[in-house]
Protein backbone atom coordinates (compact mmCIF):
# COMPACT_ATOMS: atom_id res chain seq x y z
CA MET A 1 104.52 -21.13 72.77
CA GLY A 2 103.67 -24.52 74.59
CA GLY A 3 105.69 -26.41 71.94
CA GLU A 4 108.71 -24.04 72.46
CA VAL A 5 108.53 -24.60 76.17
CA ALA A 6 108.38 -28.27 75.74
CA GLY A 7 111.32 -28.18 73.38
CA TYR A 8 113.25 -26.15 75.78
CA ASN A 9 112.65 -28.38 78.73
CA ALA A 10 113.84 -31.24 76.57
CA ILE A 11 117.14 -29.90 75.76
CA ALA A 12 117.83 -27.93 79.05
CA GLY A 13 120.45 -29.16 81.46
CA ARG A 14 121.54 -32.01 79.52
CA SER A 15 125.28 -31.82 80.09
CA ILE A 16 126.44 -34.09 83.05
CA GLU A 17 130.00 -32.83 82.51
CA ARG A 18 128.95 -29.23 83.24
CA LEU A 19 126.96 -30.43 86.39
CA ALA A 20 130.02 -32.25 87.50
CA ALA A 21 132.24 -29.22 87.07
CA LEU A 22 129.83 -27.07 88.92
CA SER A 23 129.68 -29.59 91.88
CA ASP A 24 133.57 -29.71 92.14
CA GLY A 25 133.65 -26.11 92.30
CA VAL A 26 130.97 -25.74 94.94
CA PHE A 27 132.49 -28.44 97.08
CA ALA A 28 135.90 -27.02 96.83
CA VAL A 29 134.64 -23.60 97.97
CA VAL A 30 132.49 -25.00 100.96
CA MET A 31 135.22 -27.28 102.11
CA THR A 32 137.44 -24.16 102.20
CA LEU A 33 134.93 -22.07 103.96
CA LEU A 34 134.91 -24.62 106.87
CA VAL A 35 138.27 -23.80 108.15
CA LEU A 36 137.42 -19.97 108.29
CA ASP A 37 135.63 -20.82 111.61
CA LEU A 38 138.90 -21.91 113.20
CA HIS A 39 140.65 -18.93 114.87
CA ALA A 40 143.93 -19.03 116.60
CA PRO A 41 143.75 -17.98 120.43
CA ALA A 42 143.41 -14.10 120.67
CA ALA A 43 146.87 -12.56 121.05
CA GLU A 44 146.09 -10.33 124.07
CA LEU A 45 145.12 -13.69 125.95
CA VAL A 46 148.50 -15.41 125.19
CA HIS A 47 151.56 -14.50 127.01
CA SER A 48 153.32 -17.89 127.39
CA ASP A 49 153.69 -21.31 125.86
CA ALA A 50 151.41 -22.68 128.45
CA GLU A 51 148.61 -20.14 127.58
CA LEU A 52 148.92 -20.74 124.04
CA TRP A 53 148.62 -24.44 124.76
CA ARG A 54 145.57 -23.88 126.78
CA GLY A 55 144.17 -21.88 123.95
CA LEU A 56 144.81 -24.46 121.54
CA VAL A 57 143.27 -27.03 123.58
CA ALA A 58 140.14 -25.05 123.95
CA LEU A 59 139.77 -25.27 120.15
CA ALA A 60 139.54 -29.11 120.25
CA PRO A 61 135.74 -29.22 120.12
CA ARG A 62 135.62 -26.70 117.20
CA LEU A 63 138.37 -28.54 115.41
CA PHE A 64 136.48 -31.88 115.95
CA VAL A 65 133.34 -30.49 114.34
CA TYR A 66 135.43 -29.11 111.53
CA VAL A 67 136.94 -32.64 110.90
CA ILE A 68 133.57 -34.43 110.84
CA SER A 69 132.08 -31.76 108.49
CA PHE A 70 134.94 -32.11 106.19
CA MET A 71 134.51 -35.82 106.17
CA THR A 72 130.75 -35.38 105.59
CA LEU A 73 131.35 -33.22 102.39
CA GLY A 74 133.98 -35.68 101.37
CA ILE A 75 131.62 -38.67 101.70
CA PHE A 76 128.91 -36.96 99.70
CA TRP A 77 131.29 -35.57 97.02
CA VAL A 78 132.55 -39.12 96.51
CA GLY A 79 128.82 -40.47 96.51
CA GLN A 80 127.74 -37.85 93.92
CA GLN A 81 130.75 -38.53 91.80
CA THR A 82 130.03 -42.26 91.85
CA GLN A 83 126.49 -41.56 90.53
CA HIS A 84 127.95 -39.31 87.76
CA ASN A 85 130.33 -42.21 86.72
CA HIS A 86 127.06 -44.23 85.88
CA ILE A 87 124.96 -41.43 84.45
CA ALA A 88 125.16 -41.04 80.66
CA ARG A 89 123.30 -37.82 80.43
CA SER A 90 121.29 -35.35 82.33
CA ASN A 91 117.99 -33.60 81.74
CA ARG A 92 116.36 -30.52 83.22
CA ALA A 93 114.84 -32.07 86.28
CA PHE A 94 117.92 -33.92 87.20
CA ALA A 95 119.91 -30.49 86.87
CA TRP A 96 117.62 -28.79 89.27
CA LEU A 97 117.84 -31.77 91.71
CA HIS A 98 121.56 -31.41 91.36
CA LEU A 99 121.39 -27.66 92.13
CA ALA A 100 119.08 -28.23 95.15
CA PHE A 101 121.70 -30.90 96.50
CA LEU A 102 124.62 -28.20 96.05
CA PHE A 103 122.53 -25.66 97.90
CA VAL A 104 122.27 -27.87 100.75
CA VAL A 105 125.84 -28.36 100.53
CA THR A 106 126.49 -24.66 100.87
CA LEU A 107 124.59 -24.82 104.28
CA MET A 108 127.34 -26.96 105.76
CA PRO A 109 129.35 -24.11 107.02
CA PHE A 110 126.42 -22.71 108.83
CA SER A 111 125.27 -25.85 110.50
CA THR A 112 128.88 -26.52 111.43
CA THR A 113 129.21 -23.22 113.12
CA VAL A 114 125.88 -23.95 114.89
CA VAL A 115 127.04 -27.17 116.47
CA ALA A 116 130.50 -25.91 116.99
CA GLU A 117 129.16 -22.95 119.10
CA TYR A 118 126.48 -24.88 120.99
CA PRO A 119 127.64 -28.61 121.11
CA GLU A 120 125.87 -29.15 124.47
CA PHE A 121 122.39 -28.17 123.00
CA GLN A 122 120.28 -30.95 121.29
CA LEU A 123 118.75 -28.49 118.78
CA ALA A 124 122.37 -27.78 117.54
CA VAL A 125 122.85 -31.49 116.85
CA VAL A 126 119.36 -31.64 115.11
CA VAL A 127 120.19 -28.77 112.89
CA TYR A 128 123.55 -30.54 111.87
CA TRP A 129 121.66 -33.81 111.29
CA LEU A 130 118.98 -32.18 109.16
CA ASN A 131 121.77 -30.85 107.03
CA ILE A 132 123.13 -34.36 106.42
CA LEU A 133 119.63 -35.67 106.02
CA LEU A 134 118.77 -33.31 103.37
CA LEU A 135 122.23 -34.08 101.58
CA GLY A 136 121.35 -37.91 101.63
CA GLY A 137 117.79 -37.29 100.75
CA LEU A 138 118.55 -35.26 97.53
CA LEU A 139 121.29 -37.66 96.59
CA TRP A 140 118.89 -40.56 96.78
CA ILE A 141 116.04 -38.68 95.02
CA SER A 142 118.48 -37.66 92.24
CA TRP A 143 119.46 -41.36 91.68
CA ARG A 144 116.00 -42.54 91.71
CA HIS A 145 115.07 -40.03 89.08
CA ALA A 146 117.91 -40.78 87.00
CA ARG A 147 117.03 -44.55 86.93
CA HIS A 148 113.36 -43.81 86.05
CA ALA A 149 114.07 -41.31 83.47
CA GLY A 150 116.58 -43.77 81.78
CA LEU A 151 119.72 -41.43 82.45
CA ILE A 152 121.73 -44.44 83.70
CA SER A 153 124.39 -45.92 81.39
CA GLY A 154 123.98 -49.30 80.19
CA GLU A 155 127.14 -50.39 82.22
CA ALA A 156 125.29 -49.94 85.59
CA ASP A 157 123.27 -53.16 86.15
CA THR A 158 120.41 -53.50 88.68
CA ASP A 159 122.76 -54.77 91.35
CA ILE A 160 124.84 -51.53 91.10
CA ALA A 161 121.95 -49.18 91.01
CA CYS A 162 120.20 -51.01 93.95
CA GLY A 163 123.42 -50.91 95.89
CA ILE A 164 123.85 -47.21 95.43
CA GLU A 165 120.43 -46.75 97.00
CA ARG A 166 120.99 -49.16 99.82
CA ARG A 167 124.25 -47.29 100.66
CA ILE A 168 122.44 -43.87 101.00
CA ILE A 169 119.57 -45.57 102.93
CA VAL A 170 121.76 -47.44 105.37
CA ALA A 171 124.01 -44.28 105.97
CA GLN A 172 120.95 -42.18 106.61
CA ALA A 173 119.57 -44.69 109.11
CA LEU A 174 122.91 -44.67 111.02
CA TYR A 175 123.01 -40.91 111.01
CA ALA A 176 119.40 -41.04 112.49
CA VAL A 177 120.55 -43.26 115.25
CA GLY A 178 123.39 -40.71 115.90
CA ALA A 179 120.90 -37.87 116.00
CA VAL A 180 118.61 -39.81 118.51
CA LEU A 181 121.67 -40.24 120.72
CA CYS A 182 121.53 -36.49 121.42
CA LEU A 183 118.47 -37.22 123.80
CA ILE A 184 121.15 -38.99 126.07
CA ASP A 185 124.25 -36.94 125.42
CA THR A 186 124.88 -34.54 122.59
CA TYR A 187 128.72 -35.43 122.61
CA LEU A 188 127.94 -39.03 122.48
CA SER A 189 125.61 -38.11 119.46
CA LEU A 190 128.40 -36.32 117.68
CA GLY A 191 130.83 -38.95 118.41
CA PHE A 192 128.49 -41.62 116.94
CA ILE A 193 128.20 -39.51 113.85
CA ALA A 194 132.01 -39.19 113.45
CA LEU A 195 132.29 -42.99 113.71
CA VAL A 196 129.67 -43.48 111.08
CA GLN A 197 131.72 -41.17 108.76
CA LEU A 198 135.01 -42.72 109.62
CA ASN A 199 133.48 -46.02 108.63
CA TYR A 200 132.56 -44.85 105.19
CA VAL A 201 135.71 -43.03 104.64
CA VAL A 202 137.68 -46.23 105.03
CA ALA A 203 135.20 -47.85 102.56
CA PRO A 204 133.39 -49.18 104.98
CA ARG A 205 134.97 -51.86 107.26
CA ILE A 206 132.10 -52.41 109.87
CA GLY A 207 131.02 -56.06 109.36
CA PRO A 208 127.51 -55.95 107.55
CA LEU A 209 128.36 -52.61 105.91
CA ALA A 210 131.20 -53.90 104.09
CA ARG A 211 128.89 -55.85 101.81
CA ILE A 212 126.91 -52.66 101.05
């Protein structure tokens, strides 16, 4: 029996293509679910263009959180796909780390709703940041495991491998700074997190980060 278990563990979860396909599906669903938290102003409260305008303006904070959450998922999807491009094969441990990462991805609509409903509360910002922290942490752990388990393709040299790790660490450090800023003002904290995300969306452009 022990030999059968060991043999199963050796062959389980080896398809990186299936993992990538699952990832694409989960990200697509979660990114779609984010928009369901946006609701048009209630019809019974709108009787003129001015009232509709005020209702739409009132949605601005929730729309802002939606945008930064969409950027968050986009950044982590790109990061994960970048890793997959350098991974030749998977194994059982990597597959489960991948599933754990996707589980945290599915929590993003919840943490987005929390911070959208209570943007003035520090705890709401912390919940949102913890979601981002878990995403980054699991992405880093997955990559470290892939390196140590020999899953990386021969085309990925040491500079590339280390560069991927540094990018995750720097990004998480910046997100942590954003979380700490909630002690001063929660809106300042969310604004800083949005700027960090925007920086990585544009590839990045902030001085020292451009070399990472």
